[in-house]
Amino acid sequence: MAGGKERELRRRIDSVQNTKKITRAMELIAATRVVKAQQRAREARPYAEQITKVIENLAAGGAEVDHPLLRQAEKVERVGVIVISSDRGLAGPYNSSVIRAAERQVQNARSEGADYALIAIGKKARDYFTFRKYEIASYTEGISDNPSYEDARKLADTVADLFISGSIDRVELVYTEFLSMGSQKVATRRFLPLEGTDTMAAVGSGEAGATDSFEFEPSPEAVLAALLPRYVEARLFGALLESAASEHANRQRAMKAATDNADELITKLSREMNRARQDAITTEIMEIISGAEALNDDDQSEEIAPVGAEN
């Protein structure tokens, strides 16, 4: 019985050790990828900041434009919600947190009497909302862990087309913001419509004089109109990169926790197996001693019996 328990424990230890090898490998892979994703996010940030600064300066310099991306609906009848999740799991609370935040935005739209349109990025968001019978207006997969600017441009064009056509009147962007290796948080940002030129002028008023020494061809208004779509693309690309870095950071932590738990379980099972082995050895020793004592009792009985018979 003890030997059977020992074999069972040994099989469990082997299974946990194999799992530990997998989680350890995934932890190392995620650690490598999060560094690259963080570097890409840092490298893309100056472009987004610069294009934002140029738009603010143009607006502060008096450039005004009536662009479809600035359209403010009198009544919001349909809200678009862009949710950025991952294609794979094993990333701790990364997917569940951002999906719950997106679902809250959908519920908020419904409470305002508006309809919704989900733009899902990543299989996890698609699977969650499909299972719960939500309508998905657009779905993209295969870009969550390593997005490119071309991916962001295509997505931005899709969302902009829905907004310009009037299919949606407001767009909310839900993604995970990367703060550090140990800290990420879900962020919800207004994506469309963009802020009006008066608001941009107020934001960039401190550097309004920077535009005085430049001449824009064909005009400041034309340049501003051309930059607004690039601004949308840059914002979405930045969110994709932040989400990718957050995904890898969460996966690294989750796999490290799984590896540590595997170590603890192996230690616990090894101790239990050692106790089972000791119990088996103790049982065998007791059986040997009992057998030896029984043999000695038999020998003594045989020697005593003839002497009693002669008397």
C-alpha atoms as a PDB file:
ATOM      1  CA  MET A   1       0.000   0.000   0.000  1.00  0.00           C
ATOM      2  CA  ALA A   2       2.800   2.382   0.987  1.00  0.00           C
ATOM      3  CA  GLY A   3       4.733   1.476  -2.156  1.00  0.00           C
ATOM      4  CA  GLY A   4       1.710   2.331  -4.310  1.00  0.00           C
ATOM      5  CA  LYS A   5       1.389   5.737  -2.612  1.00  0.00           C
ATOM      6  CA  GLU A   6       5.078   6.382  -3.201  1.00  0.00           C
ATOM      7  CA  ARG A   7       4.721   5.631  -6.916  1.00  0.00           C
ATOM      8  CA  GLU A   8       1.712   7.922  -7.150  1.00  0.00           C
ATOM      9  CA  LEU A   9       3.587  10.756  -5.465  1.00  0.00           C
ATOM     10  CA  ARG A  10       6.581  10.244  -7.731  1.00  0.00           C
ATOM     11  CA  ARG A  11       4.332  10.529 -10.798  1.00  0.00           C
ATOM     12  CA  ARG A  12       2.845  13.747  -9.437  1.00  0.00           C
ATOM     13  CA  ILE A  13       6.302  15.191  -8.779  1.00  0.00           C
ATOM     14  CA  ASP A  14       7.405  14.346 -12.333  1.00  0.00           C
ATOM     15  CA  SER A  15       4.262  16.013 -13.700  1.00  0.00           C
ATOM     16  CA  VAL A  16       4.808  19.181 -11.652  1.00  0.00           C
ATOM     17  CA  GLN A  17       8.460  19.301 -12.692  1.00  0.00           C
ATOM     18  CA  ASN A  18       7.456  19.145 -16.368  1.00  0.00           C
ATOM     19  CA  THR A  19       4.943  21.941 -15.808  1.00  0.00           C
ATOM     20  CA  LYS A  20       7.607  23.976 -14.036  1.00  0.00           C
ATOM     21  CA  LYS A  21       9.908  23.674 -17.052  1.00  0.00           C
ATOM     22  CA  ILE A  22       7.157  25.082 -19.286  1.00  0.00           C
ATOM     23  CA  THR A  23       6.259  27.978 -16.993  1.00  0.00           C
ATOM     24  CA  ARG A  24       9.927  28.827 -16.496  1.00  0.00           C
ATOM     25  CA  ALA A  25      10.486  28.911 -20.252  1.00  0.00           C
ATOM     26  CA  MET A  26       7.413  31.097 -20.751  1.00  0.00           C
ATOM     27  CA  GLU A  27       8.627  33.423 -18.001  1.00  0.00           C
ATOM     28  CA  LEU A  28      11.985  33.886 -19.728  1.00  0.00           C
ATOM     29  CA  ILE A  29      10.345  34.456 -23.120  1.00  0.00           C
ATOM     30  CA  ALA A  30       7.968  37.046 -21.664  1.00  0.00           C
ATOM     31  CA  ALA A  31      10.863  38.791 -19.888  1.00  0.00           C
ATOM     32  CA  THR A  32      12.675  39.131 -23.219  1.00  0.00           C
ATOM     33  CA  ARG A  33       9.606  40.354 -25.073  1.00  0.00           C
ATOM     34  CA  VAL A  34       8.558  42.897 -22.456  1.00  0.00           C
ATOM     35  CA  VAL A  35      11.932  44.638 -22.761  1.00  0.00           C
ATOM     36  CA  LYS A  36      11.536  44.909 -26.539  1.00  0.00           C
ATOM     37  CA  ALA A  37       7.919  46.050 -26.248  1.00  0.00           C
ATOM     38  CA  GLN A  38       8.859  48.671 -23.663  1.00  0.00           C
ATOM     39  CA  GLN A  39      11.634  49.931 -25.925  1.00  0.00           C
ATOM     40  CA  ARG A  40       9.238  50.197 -28.880  1.00  0.00           C
ATOM     41  CA  ALA A  41       6.746  52.131 -26.771  1.00  0.00           C
ATOM     42  CA  ARG A  42       9.480  54.568 -25.707  1.00  0.00           C
ATOM     43  CA  GLU A  43      10.672  55.014 -29.278  1.00  0.00           C
ATOM     44  CA  ALA A  44       7.153  55.752 -30.563  1.00  0.00           C
ATOM     45  CA  ARG A  45       6.401  58.307 -27.852  1.00  0.00           C
ATOM     46  CA  PRO A  46       8.452  61.228 -29.316  1.00  0.00           C
ATOM     47  CA  TYR A  47       6.576  60.991 -32.633  1.00  0.00           C
ATOM     48  CA  ALA A  48       3.190  61.133 -30.906  1.00  0.00           C
ATOM     49  CA  GLU A  49       4.332  64.003 -28.705  1.00  0.00           C
ATOM     50  CA  GLN A  50       5.737  65.954 -31.636  1.00  0.00           C
ATOM     51  CA  ILE A  51       2.675  65.580 -33.847  1.00  0.00           C
ATOM     52  CA  THR A  52       0.511  66.635 -30.898  1.00  0.00           C
ATOM     53  CA  LYS A  53       2.716  69.683 -30.359  1.00  0.00           C
ATOM     54  CA  VAL A  54       2.532  70.672 -34.026  1.00  0.00           C
ATOM     55  CA  ILE A  55      -1.277  70.424 -34.018  1.00  0.00           C
ATOM     56  CA  GLU A  56      -1.477  72.479 -30.836  1.00  0.00           C
ATOM     57  CA  ASN A  57       0.828  75.130 -32.293  1.00  0.00           C
ATOM     58  CA  LEU A  58      -1.163  75.313 -35.505  1.00  0.00           C
ATOM     59  CA  ALA A  59      -4.386  75.700 -33.558  1.00  0.00           C
ATOM     60  CA  ALA A  60      -2.826  78.278 -31.246  1.00  0.00           C
ATOM     61  CA  GLY A  61      -1.562  80.176 -34.284  1.00  0.00           C
ATOM     62  CA  GLY A  62      -5.120  80.664 -35.527  1.00  0.00           C
ATOM     63  CA  ALA A  63      -5.499  77.709 -37.893  1.00  0.00           C
ATOM     64  CA  GLU A  64      -9.106  76.570 -38.015  1.00  0.00           C
ATOM     65  CA  VAL A  65     -10.463  73.594 -39.887  1.00  0.00           C
ATOM     66  CA  ASP A  66     -13.812  71.911 -40.211  1.00  0.00           C
ATOM     67  CA  HIS A  67     -12.706  68.268 -40.257  1.00  0.00           C
ATOM     68  CA  PRO A  68     -15.040  65.231 -39.973  1.00  0.00           C
ATOM     69  CA  LEU A  69     -12.913  63.871 -37.121  1.00  0.00           C
ATOM     70  CA  LEU A  70     -13.857  66.956 -35.090  1.00  0.00           C
ATOM     71  CA  ARG A  71     -17.592  66.418 -35.576  1.00  0.00           C
ATOM     72  CA  GLN A  72     -19.538  66.794 -32.358  1.00  0.00           C
ATOM     73  CA  ALA A  73     -22.866  64.950 -32.483  1.00  0.00           C
ATOM     74  CA  GLU A  74     -25.845  66.831 -31.102  1.00  0.00           C
ATOM     75  CA  LYS A  75     -27.116  63.553 -29.670  1.00  0.00           C
ATOM     76  CA  VAL A  76     -24.973  60.484 -29.116  1.00  0.00           C
ATOM     77  CA  GLU A  77     -26.972  57.560 -30.466  1.00  0.00           C
ATOM     78  CA  ARG A  78     -24.196  54.980 -30.782  1.00  0.00           C
ATOM     79  CA  VAL A  79     -20.940  54.678 -28.868  1.00  0.00           C
ATOM     80  CA  GLY A  80     -17.970  52.787 -30.242  1.00  0.00           C
ATOM     81  CA  VAL A  81     -15.764  50.970 -27.729  1.00  0.00           C
ATOM     82  CA  ILE A  82     -12.277  49.892 -28.791  1.00  0.00           C
ATOM     83  CA  VAL A  83     -10.971  47.207 -26.428  1.00  0.00           C
ATOM     84  CA  ILE A  84      -7.375  45.979 -26.718  1.00  0.00           C
ATOM     85  CA  SER A  85      -6.837  42.484 -25.292  1.00  0.00           C
ATOM     86  CA  SER A  86      -4.471  39.630 -26.134  1.00  0.00           C
ATOM     87  CA  ASP A  87      -4.741  36.582 -28.359  1.00  0.00           C
ATOM     88  CA  ARG A  88      -3.354  34.250 -25.676  1.00  0.00           C
ATOM     89  CA  GLY A  89      -4.059  33.699 -22.015  1.00  0.00           C
ATOM     90  CA  LEU A  90      -1.741  32.870 -19.096  1.00  0.00           C
ATOM     91  CA  ALA A  91      -1.260  36.602 -18.452  1.00  0.00           C
ATOM     92  CA  GLY A  92      -2.785  36.944 -15.015  1.00  0.00           C
ATOM     93  CA  PRO A  93      -5.528  39.584 -14.715  1.00  0.00           C
ATOM     94  CA  TYR A  94      -4.466  41.413 -17.882  1.00  0.00           C
ATOM     95  CA  ASN A  95      -7.387  40.368 -20.100  1.00  0.00           C
ATOM     96  CA  SER A  96     -10.096  40.220 -17.458  1.00  0.00           C
ATOM     97  CA  SER A  97      -9.339  43.752 -16.232  1.00  0.00           C
ATOM     98  CA  VAL A  98      -9.488  45.442 -19.622  1.00  0.00           C
ATOM     99  CA  ILE A  99     -12.530  43.426 -20.731  1.00  0.00           C
ATOM    100  CA  ARG A 100     -14.457  44.367 -17.595  1.00  0.00           C
ATOM    101  CA  ALA A 101     -13.603  48.043 -18.180  1.00  0.00           C
ATOM    102  CA  ALA A 102     -14.856  47.796 -21.774  1.00  0.00           C
ATOM    103  CA  GLU A 103     -18.044  46.107 -20.607  1.00  0.00           C
ATOM    104  CA  ARG A 104     -18.618  48.977 -18.180  1.00  0.00           C
ATOM    105  CA  GLN A 105     -18.353  51.431 -21.073  1.00  0.00           C
ATOM    106  CA  VAL A 106     -20.983  49.445 -22.970  1.00  0.00           C
ATOM    107  CA  GLN A 107     -23.259  49.496 -19.929  1.00  0.00           C
ATOM    108  CA  ASN A 108     -22.703  53.244 -19.533  1.00  0.00           C
ATOM    109  CA  ALA A 109     -23.713  53.789 -23.148  1.00  0.00           C
ATOM    110  CA  ARG A 110     -26.867  51.753 -22.614  1.00  0.00           C
ATOM    111  CA  SER A 111     -27.709  53.703 -19.456  1.00  0.00           C
ATOM    112  CA  GLU A 112     -27.470  56.910 -21.517  1.00  0.00           C
ATOM    113  CA  GLY A 113     -29.978  55.486 -23.972  1.00  0.00           C
ATOM    114  CA  ALA A 114     -27.389  54.916 -26.691  1.00  0.00           C
ATOM    115  CA  ASP A 115     -26.497  51.823 -28.674  1.00  0.00           C
ATOM    116  CA  TYR A 116     -22.944  50.457 -28.819  1.00  0.00           C
ATOM    117  CA  ALA A 117     -20.434  49.109 -31.326  1.00  0.00           C
ATOM    118  CA  LEU A 118     -17.574  46.936 -30.091  1.00  0.00           C
ATOM    119  CA  ILE A 119     -14.235  47.070 -31.898  1.00  0.00           C
ATOM    120  CA  ALA A 120     -12.404  44.076 -30.429  1.00  0.00           C
ATOM    121  CA  ILE A 121      -8.649  43.586 -30.723  1.00  0.00           C
ATOM    122  CA  GLY A 122      -7.453  40.163 -29.583  1.00  0.00           C
ATOM    123  CA  LYS A 123      -9.126  36.756 -29.317  1.00  0.00           C
ATOM    124  CA  LYS A 124      -9.807  37.038 -25.607  1.00  0.00           C
ATOM    125  CA  ALA A 125     -12.071  40.073 -26.006  1.00  0.00           C
ATOM    126  CA  ARG A 126     -13.773  38.504 -29.027  1.00  0.00           C
ATOM    127  CA  ASP A 127     -14.443  35.235 -27.196  1.00  0.00           C
ATOM    128  CA  TYR A 128     -15.737  36.955 -24.064  1.00  0.00           C
ATOM    129  CA  PHE A 129     -18.193  39.258 -25.813  1.00  0.00           C
ATOM    130  CA  THR A 130     -19.294  36.627 -28.336  1.00  0.00           C
ATOM    131  CA  PHE A 131     -20.077  34.170 -25.542  1.00  0.00           C
ATOM    132  CA  ARG A 132     -22.222  36.812 -23.849  1.00  0.00           C
ATOM    133  CA  LYS A 133     -24.071  37.647 -27.067  1.00  0.00           C
ATOM    134  CA  TYR A 134     -22.652  41.152 -27.536  1.00  0.00           C
ATOM    135  CA  GLU A 135     -22.563  42.523 -31.062  1.00  0.00           C
ATOM    136  CA  ILE A 136     -19.035  42.979 -32.407  1.00  0.00           C
ATOM    137  CA  ALA A 137     -18.738  45.564 -35.189  1.00  0.00           C
ATOM    138  CA  SER A 138     -15.059  44.879 -35.964  1.00  0.00           C
ATOM    139  CA  TYR A 139     -12.530  42.252 -34.889  1.00  0.00           C
ATOM    140  CA  THR A 140      -8.745  42.050 -35.317  1.00  0.00           C
ATOM    141  CA  GLU A 141      -6.395  39.295 -34.171  1.00  0.00           C
ATOM    142  CA  GLY A 142      -2.720  38.423 -34.457  1.00  0.00           C
ATOM    143  CA  ILE A 143      -1.332  41.877 -33.619  1.00  0.00           C
ATOM    144  CA  SER A 144      -1.680  42.193 -29.846  1.00  0.00           C
ATOM    145  CA  ASP A 145       1.809  41.089 -28.781  1.00  0.00           C
ATOM    146  CA  ASN A 146       3.776  42.764 -31.606  1.00  0.00           C
ATOM    147  CA  PRO A 147       1.756  45.520 -33.319  1.00  0.00           C
ATOM    148  CA  SER A 148       3.104  47.510 -36.244  1.00  0.00           C
ATOM    149  CA  TYR A 149       2.257  51.035 -37.345  1.00  0.00           C
ATOM    150  CA  GLU A 150       0.546  49.598 -40.409  1.00  0.00           C
ATOM    151  CA  ASP A 151      -1.753  47.611 -38.120  1.00  0.00           C
ATOM    152  CA  ALA A 152      -2.596  50.807 -36.235  1.00  0.00           C
ATOM    153  CA  ARG A 153      -3.217  52.671 -39.501  1.00  0.00           C
ATOM    154  CA  LYS A 154      -5.680  50.047 -40.756  1.00  0.00           C
ATOM    155  CA  LEU A 155      -7.533  50.007 -37.450  1.00  0.00           C
ATOM    156  CA  ALA A 156      -7.612  53.808 -37.312  1.00  0.00           C
ATOM    157  CA  ASP A 157      -9.008  53.926 -40.860  1.00  0.00           C
ATOM    158  CA  THR A 158     -11.742  51.433 -39.909  1.00  0.00           C
ATOM    159  CA  VAL A 159     -12.747  53.385 -36.815  1.00  0.00           C
ATOM    160  CA  ALA A 160     -12.528  56.744 -38.605  1.00  0.00           C
ATOM    161  CA  ASP A 161     -14.748  55.466 -41.423  1.00  0.00           C
ATOM    162  CA  LEU A 162     -17.379  54.348 -38.909  1.00  0.00           C
ATOM    163  CA  PHE A 163     -17.215  57.738 -37.207  1.00  0.00           C
ATOM    164  CA  ILE A 164     -17.207  59.883 -40.347  1.00  0.00           C
ATOM    165  CA  SER A 165     -20.102  57.920 -41.865  1.00  0.00           C
ATOM    166  CA  GLY A 166     -22.165  58.585 -38.748  1.00  0.00           C
ATOM    167  CA  SER A 167     -22.409  54.902 -37.766  1.00  0.00           C
ATOM    168  CA  ILE A 168     -20.974  55.862 -34.378  1.00  0.00           C
ATOM    169  CA  ASP A 169     -21.054  59.261 -32.701  1.00  0.00           C
ATOM    170  CA  ARG A 170     -18.388  58.763 -30.045  1.00  0.00           C
ATOM    171  CA  VAL A 171     -15.474  56.370 -29.611  1.00  0.00           C
ATOM    172  CA  GLU A 172     -13.922  55.256 -26.320  1.00  0.00           C
ATOM    173  CA  LEU A 173     -10.526  53.528 -26.223  1.00  0.00           C
ATOM    174  CA  VAL A 174      -9.945  50.946 -23.476  1.00  0.00           C
ATOM    175  CA  TYR A 175      -6.428  49.580 -23.095  1.00  0.00           C
ATOM    176  CA  THR A 176      -3.782  48.793 -20.470  1.00  0.00           C
ATOM    177  CA  GLU A 177      -1.323  51.561 -19.774  1.00  0.00           C
ATOM    178  CA  PHE A 178       2.258  50.489 -19.060  1.00  0.00           C
ATOM    179  CA  LEU A 179       3.698  52.398 -16.094  1.00  0.00           C
ATOM    180  CA  SER A 180       6.587  50.138 -15.110  1.00  0.00           C
ATOM    181  CA  MET A 181       7.576  46.485 -15.039  1.00  0.00           C
ATOM    182  CA  GLY A 182       5.605  46.004 -11.851  1.00  0.00           C
ATOM    183  CA  SER A 183       2.721  48.381 -12.465  1.00  0.00           C
ATOM    184  CA  GLN A 184       0.131  48.592 -15.244  1.00  0.00           C
ATOM    185  CA  LYS A 185      -3.371  50.016 -15.127  1.00  0.00           C
ATOM    186  CA  VAL A 186      -6.449  49.958 -17.320  1.00  0.00           C
ATOM    187  CA  ALA A 187      -7.051  53.294 -19.044  1.00  0.00           C
ATOM    188  CA  THR A 188     -10.185  54.589 -20.753  1.00  0.00           C
ATOM    189  CA  ARG A 189      -9.670  57.523 -23.108  1.00  0.00           C
ATOM    190  CA  ARG A 190     -11.938  59.521 -25.408  1.00  0.00           C
ATOM    191  CA  PHE A 191     -10.716  58.613 -28.890  1.00  0.00           C
ATOM    192  CA  LEU A 192     -13.172  60.369 -31.202  1.00  0.00           C
ATOM    193  CA  PRO A 193     -14.265  63.071 -31.786  1.00  0.00           C
ATOM    194  CA  LEU A 194     -10.962  64.847 -31.444  1.00  0.00           C
ATOM    195  CA  GLU A 195     -10.740  68.008 -29.409  1.00  0.00           C
ATOM    196  CA  GLY A 196     -11.737  71.131 -31.296  1.00  0.00           C
ATOM    197  CA  THR A 197      -9.156  73.626 -32.496  1.00  0.00           C
ATOM    198  CA  ASP A 198     -10.160  76.052 -29.755  1.00  0.00           C
ATOM    199  CA  THR A 199      -9.285  73.478 -27.081  1.00  0.00           C
ATOM    200  CA  MET A 200      -6.047  72.609 -28.850  1.00  0.00           C
ATOM    201  CA  ALA A 201      -5.210  76.298 -29.040  1.00  0.00           C
ATOM    202  CA  ALA A 202      -5.741  76.662 -25.300  1.00  0.00           C
ATOM    203  CA  VAL A 203      -3.510  73.655 -24.622  1.00  0.00           C
ATOM    204  CA  GLY A 204      -0.754  74.857 -26.932  1.00  0.00           C
ATOM    205  CA  SER A 205      -1.050  78.574 -26.217  1.00  0.00           C
ATOM    206  CA  GLY A 206       2.224  78.577 -24.333  1.00  0.00           C
ATOM    207  CA  GLU A 207       4.091  77.892 -27.574  1.00  0.00           C
ATOM    208  CA  ALA A 208       1.838  79.805 -29.954  1.00  0.00           C
ATOM    209  CA  GLY A 209       4.667  82.089 -30.880  1.00  0.00           C
ATOM    210  CA  ALA A 210       6.588  79.146 -32.303  1.00  0.00           C
ATOM    211  CA  THR A 211       4.393  79.181 -35.409  1.00  0.00           C
ATOM    212  CA  ASP A 212       4.982  82.856 -36.167  1.00  0.00           C
ATOM    213  CA  SER A 213       8.333  82.215 -37.834  1.00  0.00           C
ATOM    214  CA  PHE A 214       7.021  79.493 -40.137  1.00  0.00           C
ATOM    215  CA  GLU A 215       5.094  79.601 -43.372  1.00  0.00           C
ATOM    216  CA  PHE A 216       2.889  76.615 -44.154  1.00  0.00           C
ATOM    217  CA  GLU A 217       2.097  75.447 -47.669  1.00  0.00           C
ATOM    218  CA  PRO A 218      -0.518  75.309 -48.955  1.00  0.00           C
ATOM    219  CA  SER A 219      -1.927  76.775 -45.709  1.00  0.00           C
ATOM    220  CA  PRO A 220      -1.944  76.143 -41.942  1.00  0.00           C
ATOM    221  CA  GLU A 221      -5.512  74.866 -42.249  1.00  0.00           C
ATOM    222  CA  ALA A 222      -4.531  72.339 -44.924  1.00  0.00           C
ATOM    223  CA  VAL A 223      -1.576  71.127 -42.881  1.00  0.00           C
ATOM    224  CA  LEU A 224      -3.774  70.769 -39.818  1.00  0.00           C
ATOM    225  CA  ALA A 225      -6.392  68.819 -41.775  1.00  0.00           C
ATOM    226  CA  ALA A 226      -3.679  66.486 -43.096  1.00  0.00           C
ATOM    227  CA  LEU A 227      -2.200  65.919 -39.634  1.00  0.00           C
ATOM    228  CA  LEU A 228      -5.423  65.021 -37.830  1.00  0.00           C
ATOM    229  CA  PRO A 229      -5.687  61.476 -39.338  1.00  0.00           C
ATOM    230  CA  ARG A 230      -1.987  60.905 -38.512  1.00  0.00           C
ATOM    231  CA  TYR A 231      -2.723  62.038 -34.981  1.00  0.00           C
ATOM    232  CA  VAL A 232      -5.463  59.405 -34.675  1.00  0.00           C
ATOM    233  CA  GLU A 233      -3.108  56.718 -35.980  1.00  0.00           C
ATOM    234  CA  ALA A 234      -0.337  57.751 -33.569  1.00  0.00           C
ATOM    235  CA  ARG A 235      -2.691  57.628 -30.572  1.00  0.00           C
ATOM    236  CA  LEU A 236      -3.920  54.159 -31.470  1.00  0.00           C
ATOM    237  CA  PHE A 237      -0.402  52.907 -32.188  1.00  0.00           C
ATOM    238  CA  GLY A 238       0.767  54.177 -28.808  1.00  0.00           C
ATOM    239  CA  ALA A 239      -2.110  52.378 -27.079  1.00  0.00           C
ATOM    240  CA  LEU A 240      -1.281  49.135 -28.915  1.00  0.00           C
ATOM    241  CA  LEU A 241       2.367  49.334 -27.868  1.00  0.00           C
ATOM    242  CA  GLU A 242       1.472  50.116 -24.254  1.00  0.00           C
ATOM    243  CA  SER A 243      -0.914  47.144 -24.225  1.00  0.00           C
ATOM    244  CA  ALA A 244       1.696  44.814 -25.724  1.00  0.00           C
ATOM    245  CA  ALA A 245       4.256  45.773 -23.064  1.00  0.00           C
ATOM    246  CA  SER A 246       1.608  45.341 -20.347  1.00  0.00           C
ATOM    247  CA  GLU A 247       0.618  41.919 -21.695  1.00  0.00           C
ATOM    248  CA  HIS A 248       4.197  40.617 -21.587  1.00  0.00           C
ATOM    249  CA  ALA A 249       4.787  42.093 -18.114  1.00  0.00           C
ATOM    250  CA  ASN A 250       1.639  40.445 -16.764  1.00  0.00           C
ATOM    251  CA  ARG A 251       2.550  37.127 -18.382  1.00  0.00           C
ATOM    252  CA  GLN A 252       6.041  37.243 -16.911  1.00  0.00           C
ATOM    253  CA  ARG A 253       4.645  37.789 -13.409  1.00  0.00           C
ATOM    254  CA  ALA A 254       2.013  35.093 -13.850  1.00  0.00           C
ATOM    255  CA  MET A 255       4.561  32.549 -15.066  1.00  0.00           C
ATOM    256  CA  LYS A 256       6.991  33.438 -12.285  1.00  0.00           C
ATOM    257  CA  ALA A 257       4.220  32.901  -9.733  1.00  0.00           C
ATOM    258  CA  ALA A 258       3.372  29.563 -11.371  1.00  0.00           C
ATOM    259  CA  THR A 259       7.034  28.511 -11.276  1.00  0.00           C
ATOM    260  CA  ASP A 260       7.329  29.461  -7.609  1.00  0.00           C
ATOM    261  CA  ASN A 261       4.147  27.551  -6.808  1.00  0.00           C
ATOM    262  CA  ALA A 262       5.526  24.527  -8.644  1.00  0.00           C
ATOM    263  CA  ASP A 263       8.684  24.688  -6.511  1.00  0.00           C
ATOM    264  CA  GLU A 264       6.608  24.784  -3.337  1.00  0.00           C
ATOM    265  CA  LEU A 265       4.418  21.903  -4.492  1.00  0.00           C
ATOM    266  CA  ILE A 266       7.449  19.797  -5.424  1.00  0.00           C
ATOM    267  CA  THR A 267       8.932  20.389  -1.964  1.00  0.00           C
ATOM    268  CA  LYS A 268       5.658  19.443  -0.308  1.00  0.00           C
ATOM    269  CA  LEU A 269       5.208  16.302  -2.405  1.00  0.00           C
ATOM    270  CA  SER A 270       8.856  15.282  -1.887  1.00  0.00           C
ATOM    271  CA  ARG A 271       8.431  15.463   1.872  1.00  0.00           C
ATOM    272  CA  GLU A 272       5.235  13.468   1.646  1.00  0.00           C
ATOM    273  CA  MET A 273       6.967  10.897  -0.551  1.00  0.00           C
ATOM    274  CA  ASN A 274       9.866  10.644   1.912  1.00  0.00           C
ATOM    275  CA  ARG A 275       7.417  10.022   4.737  1.00  0.00           C
ATOM    276  CA  ALA A 276       5.688   7.357   2.664  1.00  0.00           C
ATOM    277  CA  ARG A 277       9.066   5.743   1.940  1.00  0.00           C
ATOM    278  CA  GLN A 278       9.995   5.812   5.605  1.00  0.00           C
ATOM    279  CA  ASP A 279       6.644   4.289   6.518  1.00  0.00           C
ATOM    280  CA  ALA A 280       7.217   1.536   3.966  1.00  0.00           C
ATOM    281  CA  ILE A 281      10.710   0.848   5.304  1.00  0.00           C
ATOM    282  CA  THR A 282       9.438   0.846   8.887  1.00  0.00           C
ATOM    283  CA  THR A 283       6.661  -1.578   7.937  1.00  0.00           C
ATOM    284  CA  GLU A 284       9.131  -3.921   6.233  1.00  0.00           C
ATOM    285  CA  ILE A 285      11.441  -3.842   9.252  1.00  0.00           C
ATOM    286  CA  MET A 286       8.546  -4.592  11.584  1.00  0.00           C
ATOM    287  CA  GLU A 287       7.473  -7.504   9.372  1.00  0.00           C
ATOM    288  CA  ILE A 288      11.021  -8.886   9.362  1.00  0.00           C
ATOM    289  CA  ILE A 289      11.298  -8.572  13.153  1.00  0.00           C
ATOM    290  CA  SER A 290       7.871 -10.145  13.635  1.00  0.00           C
ATOM    291  CA  GLY A 291       8.819 -13.022  11.332  1.00  0.00           C
ATOM    292  CA  ALA A 292      12.118 -13.552  13.122  1.00  0.00           C
ATOM    293  CA  GLU A 293      10.417 -13.575  16.506  1.00  0.00           C
ATOM    294  CA  ALA A 294       7.838 -16.072  15.228  1.00  0.00           C
ATOM    295  CA  LEU A 295      10.616 -18.365  14.004  1.00  0.00           C
ATOM    296  CA  ASN A 296      12.381 -18.128  17.354  1.00  0.00           C
ATOM    297  CA  ASP A 297       9.153 -19.031  19.171  1.00  0.00           C
ATOM    298  CA  ASP A 298       8.699 -22.088  16.944  1.00  0.00           C
ATOM    299  CA  ASP A 299      12.278 -23.257  17.562  1.00  0.00           C
ATOM    300  CA  GLN A 300      11.890 -22.937  21.308  1.00  0.00           C
ATOM    301  CA  SER A 301       8.614 -24.884  21.258  1.00  0.00           C
ATOM    302  CA  GLU A 302      10.231 -27.763  19.359  1.00  0.00           C
ATOM    303  CA  GLU A 303      13.121 -27.960  21.856  1.00  0.00           C
ATOM    304  CA  ILE A 304      10.881 -27.923  24.952  1.00  0.00           C
ATOM    305  CA  ALA A 305       8.341 -30.512  23.711  1.00  0.00           C
ATOM    306  CA  PRO A 306      10.660 -33.692  23.849  1.00  0.00           C
ATOM    307  CA  VAL A 307      11.893 -32.922  27.356  1.00  0.00           C
ATOM    308  CA  GLY A 308       8.387 -32.812  28.704  1.00  0.00           C
ATOM    309  CA  ALA A 309       7.554 -36.112  27.059  1.00  0.00           C
ATOM    310  CA  GLU A 310      10.420 -38.028  28.845  1.00  0.00           C
ATOM    311  CA  ASN A 311       9.270 -36.777  32.243  1.00  0.00           C
END
